mmCIF file of all heavy atoms, coordinates in Angstrom:
data_MODEL
# 
_entry.id   MODEL 
# 
loop_
_atom_site.group_PDB 
_atom_site.id 
_atom_site.type_symbol 
_atom_site.label_atom_id 
_atom_site.label_alt_id 
_atom_site.label_comp_id 
_atom_site.label_asym_id 
_atom_site.label_entity_id 
_atom_site.label_seq_id 
_atom_site.pdbx_PDB_ins_code 
_atom_site.Cartn_x 
_atom_site.Cartn_y 
_atom_site.Cartn_z 
_atom_site.occupancy 
_atom_site.B_iso_or_equiv 
_atom_site.pdbx_formal_charge 
_atom_site.auth_seq_id 
_atom_site.auth_comp_id 
_atom_site.auth_asym_id 
_atom_site.auth_atom_id 
_atom_site.pdbx_PDB_model_num 
ATOM 1   N N   . PHE A 1 1  ? 163.983 68.647 64.518 1.00 0.00 ? 1  PHE A N   1 
ATOM 2   C CA  . PHE A 1 1  ? 162.583 68.758 64.940 1.00 0.00 ? 1  PHE A CA  1 
ATOM 3   C C   . PHE A 1 1  ? 161.925 69.836 64.094 1.00 0.00 ? 1  PHE A C   1 
ATOM 4   O O   . PHE A 1 1  ? 162.584 70.736 63.561 1.00 0.00 ? 1  PHE A O   1 
ATOM 5   C CB  . PHE A 1 1  ? 162.475 69.110 66.425 1.00 0.00 ? 1  PHE A CB  1 
ATOM 6   C CG  . PHE A 1 1  ? 163.116 70.417 66.813 1.00 0.00 ? 1  PHE A CG  1 
ATOM 7   C CD1 . PHE A 1 1  ? 162.356 71.585 66.851 1.00 0.00 ? 1  PHE A CD1 1 
ATOM 8   C CD2 . PHE A 1 1  ? 164.468 70.486 67.144 1.00 0.00 ? 1  PHE A CD2 1 
ATOM 9   C CE1 . PHE A 1 1  ? 162.938 72.789 67.201 1.00 0.00 ? 1  PHE A CE1 1 
ATOM 10  C CE2 . PHE A 1 1  ? 165.051 71.692 67.492 1.00 0.00 ? 1  PHE A CE2 1 
ATOM 11  C CZ  . PHE A 1 1  ? 164.287 72.851 67.527 1.00 0.00 ? 1  PHE A CZ  1 
ATOM 12  N N   . GLU A 1 2  ? 160.609 69.724 63.975 1.00 0.00 ? 2  GLU A N   1 
ATOM 13  C CA  . GLU A 1 2  ? 159.857 70.724 63.223 1.00 0.00 ? 2  GLU A CA  1 
ATOM 14  C C   . GLU A 1 2  ? 159.528 71.928 64.091 1.00 0.00 ? 2  GLU A C   1 
ATOM 15  O O   . GLU A 1 2  ? 159.722 73.068 63.707 1.00 0.00 ? 2  GLU A O   1 
ATOM 16  C CB  . GLU A 1 2  ? 158.573 70.106 62.671 1.00 0.00 ? 2  GLU A CB  1 
ATOM 17  C CG  . GLU A 1 2  ? 157.745 71.080 61.832 1.00 0.00 ? 2  GLU A CG  1 
ATOM 18  C CD  . GLU A 1 2  ? 156.503 70.432 61.254 1.00 0.00 ? 2  GLU A CD  1 
ATOM 19  O OE1 . GLU A 1 2  ? 156.440 69.189 61.233 1.00 0.00 ? 2  GLU A OE1 1 
ATOM 20  O OE2 . GLU A 1 2  ? 155.593 71.164 60.825 1.00 0.00 ? 2  GLU A OE2 1 
ATOM 21  N N   . ARG A 1 3  ? 158.995 71.644 65.286 1.00 0.00 ? 3  ARG A N   1 
ATOM 22  C CA  . ARG A 1 3  ? 158.666 72.724 66.218 1.00 0.00 ? 3  ARG A CA  1 
ATOM 23  C C   . ARG A 1 3  ? 158.679 72.192 67.634 1.00 0.00 ? 3  ARG A C   1 
ATOM 24  O O   . ARG A 1 3  ? 158.209 71.085 67.903 1.00 0.00 ? 3  ARG A O   1 
ATOM 25  C CB  . ARG A 1 3  ? 157.293 73.308 65.900 1.00 0.00 ? 3  ARG A CB  1 
ATOM 26  C CG  . ARG A 1 3  ? 156.895 74.409 66.874 1.00 0.00 ? 3  ARG A CG  1 
ATOM 27  C CD  . ARG A 1 3  ? 155.662 75.143 66.418 1.00 0.00 ? 3  ARG A CD  1 
ATOM 28  N NE  . ARG A 1 3  ? 154.597 74.241 66.035 1.00 0.00 ? 3  ARG A NE  1 
ATOM 29  C CZ  . ARG A 1 3  ? 153.409 74.641 65.592 1.00 0.00 ? 3  ARG A CZ  1 
ATOM 30  N NH1 . ARG A 1 3  ? 153.178 75.931 65.447 1.00 0.00 ? 3  ARG A NH1 1 
ATOM 31  N NH2 . ARG A 1 3  ? 152.478 73.781 65.287 1.00 0.00 ? 3  ARG A NH2 1 
ATOM 32  N N   . MET A 1 4  ? 159.222 72.985 68.557 1.00 0.00 ? 4  MET A N   1 
ATOM 33  C CA  . MET A 1 4  ? 159.262 72.611 69.964 1.00 0.00 ? 4  MET A CA  1 
ATOM 34  C C   . MET A 1 4  ? 158.827 73.837 70.771 1.00 0.00 ? 4  MET A C   1 
ATOM 35  O O   . MET A 1 4  ? 159.405 74.915 70.615 1.00 0.00 ? 4  MET A O   1 
ATOM 36  C CB  . MET A 1 4  ? 160.677 72.174 70.354 1.00 0.00 ? 4  MET A CB  1 
ATOM 37  C CG  . MET A 1 4  ? 160.772 71.359 71.622 1.00 0.00 ? 4  MET A CG  1 
ATOM 38  S SD  . MET A 1 4  ? 162.459 70.746 71.884 1.00 0.00 ? 4  MET A SD  1 
ATOM 39  C CE  . MET A 1 4  ? 162.596 69.547 70.555 1.00 0.00 ? 4  MET A CE  1 
ATOM 40  N N   . THR A 1 5  ? 157.810 73.665 71.620 1.00 0.00 ? 5  THR A N   1 
ATOM 41  C CA  . THR A 1 5  ? 157.242 74.787 72.359 1.00 0.00 ? 5  THR A CA  1 
ATOM 42  C C   . THR A 1 5  ? 157.223 74.467 73.847 1.00 0.00 ? 5  THR A C   1 
ATOM 43  O O   . THR A 1 5  ? 156.883 73.352 74.238 1.00 0.00 ? 5  THR A O   1 
ATOM 44  C CB  . THR A 1 5  ? 155.801 75.074 71.888 1.00 0.00 ? 5  THR A CB  1 
ATOM 45  O OG1 . THR A 1 5  ? 155.797 75.280 70.477 1.00 0.00 ? 5  THR A OG1 1 
ATOM 46  C CG2 . THR A 1 5  ? 155.223 76.283 72.588 1.00 0.00 ? 5  THR A CG2 1 
ATOM 47  N N   . PHE A 1 6  ? 157.583 75.445 74.663 1.00 0.00 ? 6  PHE A N   1 
ATOM 48  C CA  . PHE A 1 6  ? 157.515 75.296 76.110 1.00 0.00 ? 6  PHE A CA  1 
ATOM 49  C C   . PHE A 1 6  ? 156.581 76.375 76.632 1.00 0.00 ? 6  PHE A C   1 
ATOM 50  O O   . PHE A 1 6  ? 156.886 77.565 76.584 1.00 0.00 ? 6  PHE A O   1 
ATOM 51  C CB  . PHE A 1 6  ? 158.902 75.435 76.731 1.00 0.00 ? 6  PHE A CB  1 
ATOM 52  C CG  . PHE A 1 6  ? 158.957 75.153 78.220 1.00 0.00 ? 6  PHE A CG  1 
ATOM 53  C CD1 . PHE A 1 6  ? 157.943 74.469 78.873 1.00 0.00 ? 6  PHE A CD1 1 
ATOM 54  C CD2 . PHE A 1 6  ? 160.048 75.560 78.976 1.00 0.00 ? 6  PHE A CD2 1 
ATOM 55  C CE1 . PHE A 1 6  ? 157.996 74.202 80.232 1.00 0.00 ? 6  PHE A CE1 1 
ATOM 56  C CE2 . PHE A 1 6  ? 160.124 75.293 80.337 1.00 0.00 ? 6  PHE A CE2 1 
ATOM 57  C CZ  . PHE A 1 6  ? 159.081 74.619 80.958 1.00 0.00 ? 6  PHE A CZ  1 
ATOM 58  N N   . MET A 1 7  ? 155.405 75.970 77.122 1.00 0.00 ? 7  MET A N   1 
ATOM 59  C CA  . MET A 1 7  ? 154.450 76.912 77.693 1.00 0.00 ? 7  MET A CA  1 
ATOM 60  C C   . MET A 1 7  ? 154.501 76.848 79.218 1.00 0.00 ? 7  MET A C   1 
ATOM 61  O O   . MET A 1 7  ? 154.303 75.780 79.796 1.00 0.00 ? 7  MET A O   1 
ATOM 62  C CB  . MET A 1 7  ? 153.023 76.612 77.226 1.00 0.00 ? 7  MET A CB  1 
ATOM 63  C CG  . MET A 1 7  ? 152.011 77.568 77.848 1.00 0.00 ? 7  MET A CG  1 
ATOM 64  S SD  . MET A 1 7  ? 150.320 77.299 77.330 1.00 0.00 ? 7  MET A SD  1 
ATOM 65  C CE  . MET A 1 7  ? 149.476 78.462 78.420 1.00 0.00 ? 7  MET A CE  1 
ATOM 66  N N   . ILE A 1 8  ? 154.763 77.979 79.843 1.00 0.00 ? 8  ILE A N   1 
ATOM 67  C CA  . ILE A 1 8  ? 154.773 78.077 81.304 1.00 0.00 ? 8  ILE A CA  1 
ATOM 68  C C   . ILE A 1 8  ? 153.514 78.835 81.715 1.00 0.00 ? 8  ILE A C   1 
ATOM 69  O O   . ILE A 1 8  ? 153.352 80.012 81.398 1.00 0.00 ? 8  ILE A O   1 
ATOM 70  C CB  . ILE A 1 8  ? 156.043 78.796 81.806 1.00 0.00 ? 8  ILE A CB  1 
ATOM 71  C CG1 . ILE A 1 8  ? 157.291 78.048 81.323 1.00 0.00 ? 8  ILE A CG1 1 
ATOM 72  C CG2 . ILE A 1 8  ? 156.033 78.884 83.324 1.00 0.00 ? 8  ILE A CG2 1 
ATOM 73  C CD1 . ILE A 1 8  ? 158.594 78.755 81.648 1.00 0.00 ? 8  ILE A CD1 1 
ATOM 74  N N   . ASN A 1 9  ? 152.647 78.146 82.412 1.00 0.00 ? 9  ASN A N   1 
ATOM 75  C CA  . ASN A 1 9  ? 151.309 78.615 82.724 1.00 0.00 ? 9  ASN A CA  1 
ATOM 76  C C   . ASN A 1 9  ? 151.302 79.385 84.054 1.00 0.00 ? 9  ASN A C   1 
ATOM 77  O O   . ASN A 1 9  ? 151.839 78.899 85.039 1.00 0.00 ? 9  ASN A O   1 
ATOM 78  C CB  . ASN A 1 9  ? 150.395 77.380 82.796 1.00 0.00 ? 9  ASN A CB  1 
ATOM 79  C CG  . ASN A 1 9  ? 148.979 77.700 83.183 1.00 0.00 ? 9  ASN A CG  1 
ATOM 80  O OD1 . ASN A 1 9  ? 148.616 78.840 83.382 1.00 0.00 ? 9  ASN A OD1 1 
ATOM 81  N ND2 . ASN A 1 9  ? 148.169 76.660 83.298 1.00 0.00 ? 9  ASN A ND2 1 
ATOM 82  N N   . PRO A 1 10 ? 150.651 80.560 84.123 1.00 0.00 ? 10 PRO A N   1 
ATOM 83  C CA  . PRO A 1 10 ? 150.624 81.328 85.365 1.00 0.00 ? 10 PRO A CA  1 
ATOM 84  C C   . PRO A 1 10 ? 149.427 81.060 86.280 1.00 0.00 ? 10 PRO A C   1 
ATOM 85  O O   . PRO A 1 10 ? 149.356 81.648 87.355 1.00 0.00 ? 10 PRO A O   1 
ATOM 86  C CB  . PRO A 1 10 ? 150.577 82.767 84.863 1.00 0.00 ? 10 PRO A CB  1 
ATOM 87  C CG  . PRO A 1 10 ? 149.739 82.673 83.626 1.00 0.00 ? 10 PRO A CG  1 
ATOM 88  C CD  . PRO A 1 10 ? 150.095 81.350 82.992 1.00 0.00 ? 10 PRO A CD  1 
ATOM 89  N N   . ASP A 1 11 ? 148.474 80.190 85.863 1.00 0.00 ? 11 ASP A N   1 
ATOM 90  C CA  . ASP A 1 11 ? 147.270 80.039 86.688 1.00 0.00 ? 11 ASP A CA  1 
ATOM 91  C C   . ASP A 1 11 ? 146.772 78.597 86.753 1.00 0.00 ? 11 ASP A C   1 
ATOM 92  O O   . ASP A 1 11 ? 145.576 78.362 86.898 1.00 0.00 ? 11 ASP A O   1 
ATOM 93  C CB  . ASP A 1 11 ? 146.157 80.961 86.186 1.00 0.00 ? 11 ASP A CB  1 
ATOM 94  C CG  . ASP A 1 11 ? 145.628 80.581 84.806 1.00 0.00 ? 11 ASP A CG  1 
ATOM 95  O OD1 . ASP A 1 11 ? 146.331 79.861 84.073 1.00 0.00 ? 11 ASP A OD1 1 
ATOM 96  O OD2 . ASP A 1 11 ? 144.511 81.005 84.463 1.00 0.00 ? 11 ASP A OD2 1 
ATOM 97  N N   . GLU A 1 12 ? 147.676 77.631 86.731 1.00 0.00 ? 12 GLU A N   1 
ATOM 98  C CA  . GLU A 1 12 ? 147.272 76.224 86.767 1.00 0.00 ? 12 GLU A CA  1 
ATOM 99  C C   . GLU A 1 12 ? 146.552 75.875 88.062 1.00 0.00 ? 12 GLU A C   1 
ATOM 100 O O   . GLU A 1 12 ? 145.578 75.121 88.053 1.00 0.00 ? 12 GLU A O   1 
ATOM 101 C CB  . GLU A 1 12 ? 148.501 75.324 86.590 1.00 0.00 ? 12 GLU A CB  1 
ATOM 102 C CG  . GLU A 1 12 ? 148.169 73.858 86.333 1.00 0.00 ? 12 GLU A CG  1 
ATOM 103 C CD  . GLU A 1 12 ? 148.009 73.027 87.607 1.00 0.00 ? 12 GLU A CD  1 
ATOM 104 O OE1 . GLU A 1 12 ? 148.390 73.539 88.692 1.00 0.00 ? 12 GLU A OE1 1 
ATOM 105 O OE2 . GLU A 1 12 ? 147.511 71.887 87.517 1.00 0.00 ? 12 GLU A OE2 1 
ATOM 106 N N   . GLU A 1 13 ? 147.015 76.428 89.175 1.00 0.00 ? 13 GLU A N   1 
ATOM 107 C CA  . GLU A 1 13 ? 146.405 76.101 90.462 1.00 0.00 ? 13 GLU A CA  1 
ATOM 108 C C   . GLU A 1 13 ? 144.996 76.677 90.589 1.00 0.00 ? 13 GLU A C   1 
ATOM 109 O O   . GLU A 1 13 ? 144.255 76.314 91.503 1.00 0.00 ? 13 GLU A O   1 
ATOM 110 C CB  . GLU A 1 13 ? 147.288 76.597 91.613 1.00 0.00 ? 13 GLU A CB  1 
ATOM 111 C CG  . GLU A 1 13 ? 148.680 75.970 91.671 1.00 0.00 ? 13 GLU A CG  1 
ATOM 112 C CD  . GLU A 1 13 ? 148.670 74.490 92.016 1.00 0.00 ? 13 GLU A CD  1 
ATOM 113 O OE1 . GLU A 1 13 ? 147.577 73.928 92.221 1.00 0.00 ? 13 GLU A OE1 1 
ATOM 114 O OE2 . GLU A 1 13 ? 149.752 73.894 92.070 1.00 0.00 ? 13 GLU A OE2 1 
ATOM 115 N N   . LYS A 1 14 ? 144.613 77.571 89.685 1.00 0.00 ? 14 LYS A N   1 
ATOM 116 C CA  . LYS A 1 14 ? 143.261 78.130 89.657 1.00 0.00 ? 14 LYS A CA  1 
ATOM 117 C C   . LYS A 1 14 ? 142.466 77.560 88.485 1.00 0.00 ? 14 LYS A C   1 
ATOM 118 O O   . LYS A 1 14 ? 141.595 78.226 87.929 1.00 0.00 ? 14 LYS A O   1 
ATOM 119 C CB  . LYS A 1 14 ? 143.324 79.659 89.589 1.00 0.00 ? 14 LYS A CB  1 
ATOM 120 C CG  . LYS A 1 14 ? 143.964 80.292 90.807 1.00 0.00 ? 14 LYS A CG  1 
ATOM 121 C CD  . LYS A 1 14 ? 143.985 81.806 90.699 1.00 0.00 ? 14 LYS A CD  1 
ATOM 122 C CE  . LYS A 1 14 ? 144.611 82.443 91.946 1.00 0.00 ? 14 LYS A CE  1 
ATOM 123 N NZ  . LYS A 1 14 ? 144.658 83.929 91.850 1.00 0.00 ? 14 LYS A NZ  1 
ATOM 124 N N   . SER A 1 15 ? 142.812 76.327 88.096 1.00 0.00 ? 15 SER A N   1 
ATOM 125 C CA  . SER A 1 15 ? 142.121 75.600 87.019 1.00 0.00 ? 15 SER A CA  1 
ATOM 126 C C   . SER A 1 15 ? 142.445 76.126 85.629 1.00 0.00 ? 15 SER A C   1 
ATOM 127 O O   . SER A 1 15 ? 141.727 75.820 84.669 1.00 0.00 ? 15 SER A O   1 
ATOM 128 C CB  . SER A 1 15 ? 140.603 75.607 87.232 1.00 0.00 ? 15 SER A CB  1 
ATOM 129 O OG  . SER A 1 15 ? 140.265 74.920 88.411 1.00 0.00 ? 15 SER A OG  1 
ATOM 130 N N   . SER A 1 16 ? 143.511 76.920 85.493 1.00 0.00 ? 16 SER A N   1 
ATOM 131 C CA  . SER A 1 16 ? 143.950 77.410 84.175 1.00 0.00 ? 16 SER A CA  1 
ATOM 132 C C   . SER A 1 16 ? 142.815 78.126 83.438 1.00 0.00 ? 16 SER A C   1 
ATOM 133 O O   . SER A 1 16 ? 142.685 78.011 82.209 1.00 0.00 ? 16 SER A O   1 
ATOM 134 C CB  . SER A 1 16 ? 144.484 76.259 83.317 1.00 0.00 ? 16 SER A CB  1 
ATOM 135 O OG  . SER A 1 16 ? 145.505 75.555 83.983 1.00 0.00 ? 16 SER A OG  1 
ATOM 136 N N   . LEU A 1 17 ? 142.002 78.876 84.167 1.00 0.00 ? 17 LEU A N   1 
ATOM 137 C CA  . LEU A 1 17 ? 140.832 79.507 83.562 1.00 0.00 ? 17 LEU A CA  1 
ATOM 138 C C   . LEU A 1 17 ? 141.216 80.504 82.476 1.00 0.00 ? 17 LEU A C   1 
ATOM 139 O O   . LEU A 1 17 ? 140.505 80.641 81.474 1.00 0.00 ? 17 LEU A O   1 
ATOM 140 C CB  . LEU A 1 17 ? 139.987 80.195 84.642 1.00 0.00 ? 17 LEU A CB  1 
ATOM 141 C CG  . LEU A 1 17 ? 139.369 79.261 85.691 1.00 0.00 ? 17 LEU A CG  1 
ATOM 142 C CD1 . LEU A 1 17 ? 138.587 80.070 86.721 1.00 0.00 ? 17 LEU A CD1 1 
ATOM 143 C CD2 . LEU A 1 17 ? 138.457 78.236 85.025 1.00 0.00 ? 17 LEU A CD2 1 
ATOM 144 N N   . GLU A 1 18 ? 142.321 81.219 82.661 1.00 0.00 ? 18 GLU A N   1 
ATOM 145 C CA  . GLU A 1 18 ? 142.736 82.213 81.672 1.00 0.00 ? 18 GLU A CA  1 
ATOM 146 C C   . GLU A 1 18 ? 143.663 81.642 80.603 1.00 0.00 ? 18 GLU A C   1 
ATOM 147 O O   . GLU A 1 18 ? 143.839 82.265 79.551 1.00 0.00 ? 18 GLU A O   1 
ATOM 148 C CB  . GLU A 1 18 ? 143.430 83.395 82.374 1.00 0.00 ? 18 GLU A CB  1 
ATOM 149 C CG  . GLU A 1 18 ? 142.574 84.097 83.414 1.00 0.00 ? 18 GLU A CG  1 
ATOM 150 C CD  . GLU A 1 18 ? 141.340 84.741 82.803 1.00 0.00 ? 18 GLU A CD  1 
ATOM 151 O OE1 . GLU A 1 18 ? 141.401 85.152 81.628 1.00 0.00 ? 18 GLU A OE1 1 
ATOM 152 O OE2 . GLU A 1 18 ? 140.310 84.824 83.494 1.00 0.00 ? 18 GLU A OE2 1 
ATOM 153 N N   . SER A 1 19 ? 144.261 80.494 80.858 1.00 0.00 ? 19 SER A N   1 
ATOM 154 C CA  . SER A 1 19 ? 145.264 79.967 79.929 1.00 0.00 ? 19 SER A CA  1 
ATOM 155 C C   . SER A 1 19 ? 144.822 78.702 79.200 1.00 0.00 ? 19 SER A C   1 
ATOM 156 O O   . SER A 1 19 ? 145.508 78.248 78.287 1.00 0.00 ? 19 SER A O   1 
ATOM 157 C CB  . SER A 1 19 ? 146.568 79.676 80.680 1.00 0.00 ? 19 SER A CB  1 
ATOM 158 O OG  . SER A 1 19 ? 146.334 78.763 81.741 1.00 0.00 ? 19 SER A OG  1 
ATOM 159 N N   . ARG A 1 20 ? 143.679 78.124 79.577 1.00 0.00 ? 20 ARG A N   1 
ATOM 160 C CA  . ARG A 1 20 ? 143.288 76.838 78.996 1.00 0.00 ? 20 ARG A CA  1 
ATOM 161 C C   . ARG A 1 20 ? 143.083 76.918 77.488 1.00 0.00 ? 20 ARG A C   1 
ATOM 162 O O   . ARG A 1 20 ? 143.416 75.964 76.770 1.00 0.00 ? 20 ARG A O   1 
ATOM 163 C CB  . ARG A 1 20 ? 142.033 76.308 79.675 1.00 0.00 ? 20 ARG A CB  1 
ATOM 164 C CG  . ARG A 1 20 ? 140.796 77.165 79.508 1.00 0.00 ? 20 ARG A CG  1 
ATOM 165 C CD  . ARG A 1 20 ? 139.582 76.507 80.153 1.00 0.00 ? 20 ARG A CD  1 
ATOM 166 N NE  . ARG A 1 20 ? 139.788 76.269 81.569 1.00 0.00 ? 20 ARG A NE  1 
ATOM 167 C CZ  . ARG A 1 20 ? 138.977 75.548 82.324 1.00 0.00 ? 20 ARG A CZ  1 
ATOM 168 N NH1 . ARG A 1 20 ? 137.896 75.015 81.796 1.00 0.00 ? 20 ARG A NH1 1 
ATOM 169 N NH2 . ARG A 1 20 ? 139.225 75.378 83.598 1.00 0.00 ? 20 ARG A NH2 1 
ATOM 170 N N   . ASP A 1 21 ? 142.557 78.026 76.996 1.00 0.00 ? 21 ASP A N   1 
ATOM 171 C CA  . ASP A 1 21 ? 142.351 78.134 75.543 1.00 0.00 ? 21 ASP A CA  1 
ATOM 172 C C   . ASP A 1 21 ? 143.676 78.096 74.794 1.00 0.00 ? 21 ASP A C   1 
ATOM 173 O O   . ASP A 1 21 ? 143.785 77.498 73.719 1.00 0.00 ? 21 ASP A O   1 
ATOM 174 C CB  . ASP A 1 21 ? 141.589 79.421 75.212 1.00 0.00 ? 21 ASP A CB  1 
ATOM 175 C CG  . ASP A 1 21 ? 140.130 79.370 75.660 1.00 0.00 ? 21 ASP A CG  1 
ATOM 176 O OD1 . ASP A 1 21 ? 139.636 78.260 75.948 1.00 0.00 ? 21 ASP A OD1 1 
ATOM 177 O OD2 . ASP A 1 21 ? 139.493 80.441 75.730 1.00 0.00 ? 21 ASP A OD2 1 
ATOM 178 N N   . MET A 1 22 ? 144.694 78.745 75.356 1.00 0.00 ? 22 MET A N   1 
ATOM 179 C CA  . MET A 1 22 ? 146.008 78.721 74.727 1.00 0.00 ? 22 MET A CA  1 
ATOM 180 C C   . MET A 1 22 ? 146.617 77.321 74.782 1.00 0.00 ? 22 MET A C   1 
ATOM 181 O O   . MET A 1 22 ? 147.217 76.849 73.798 1.00 0.00 ? 22 MET A O   1 
ATOM 182 C CB  . MET A 1 22 ? 146.953 79.727 75.395 1.00 0.00 ? 22 MET A CB  1 
ATOM 183 C CG  . MET A 1 22 ? 148.347 79.751 74.782 1.00 0.00 ? 22 MET A CG  1 
ATOM 184 S SD  . MET A 1 22 ? 149.447 80.951 75.566 1.00 0.00 ? 22 MET A SD  1 
ATOM 185 C CE  . MET A 1 22 ? 148.706 82.479 74.961 1.00 0.00 ? 22 MET A CE  1 
ATOM 186 N N   . ILE A 1 23 ? 146.464 76.649 75.918 1.00 0.00 ? 23 ILE A N   1 
ATOM 187 C CA  . ILE A 1 23 ? 146.971 75.276 76.042 1.00 0.00 ? 23 ILE A CA  1 
ATOM 188 C C   . ILE A 1 23 ? 146.334 74.383 74.992 1.00 0.00 ? 23 ILE A C   1 
ATOM 189 O O   . ILE A 1 23 ? 147.017 73.619 74.288 1.00 0.00 ? 23 ILE A O   1 
ATOM 190 C CB  . ILE A 1 23 ? 146.693 74.718 77.445 1.00 0.00 ? 23 ILE A CB  1 
ATOM 191 C CG1 . ILE A 1 23 ? 147.490 75.486 78.495 1.00 0.00 ? 23 ILE A CG1 1 
ATOM 192 C CG2 . ILE A 1 23 ? 147.039 73.227 77.516 1.00 0.00 ? 23 ILE A CG2 1 
ATOM 193 C CD1 . ILE A 1 23 ? 147.074 75.186 79.921 1.00 0.00 ? 23 ILE A CD1 1 
ATOM 194 N N   . ARG A 1 24 ? 145.023 74.477 74.850 1.00 0.00 ? 24 ARG A N   1 
ATOM 195 C CA  . ARG A 1 24 ? 144.305 73.627 73.911 1.00 0.00 ? 24 ARG A CA  1 
ATOM 196 C C   . ARG A 1 24 ? 144.687 73.959 72.465 1.00 0.00 ? 24 ARG A C   1 
ATOM 197 O O   . ARG A 1 24 ? 144.862 73.064 71.636 1.00 0.00 ? 24 ARG A O   1 
ATOM 198 C CB  . ARG A 1 24 ? 142.801 73.765 74.127 1.00 0.00 ? 24 ARG A CB  1 
ATOM 199 C CG  . ARG A 1 24 ? 142.353 73.256 75.496 1.00 0.00 ? 24 ARG A CG  1 
ATOM 200 C CD  . ARG A 1 24 ? 140.888 73.528 75.766 1.00 0.00 ? 24 ARG A CD  1 
ATOM 201 N NE  . ARG A 1 24 ? 140.019 72.683 74.953 1.00 0.00 ? 24 ARG A NE  1 
ATOM 202 C CZ  . ARG A 1 24 ? 139.629 71.472 75.300 1.00 0.00 ? 24 ARG A CZ  1 
ATOM 203 N NH1 . ARG A 1 24 ? 140.028 70.936 76.448 1.00 0.00 ? 24 ARG A NH1 1 
ATOM 204 N NH2 . ARG A 1 24 ? 138.827 70.784 74.511 1.00 0.00 ? 24 ARG A NH2 1 
# 
């Protein structure tokens, strides 16, 4: 594989307001 990333989000239940930019 070239790259494999696992992102564990701390605020999904609050609409990912602080993490959505990183997800995108």
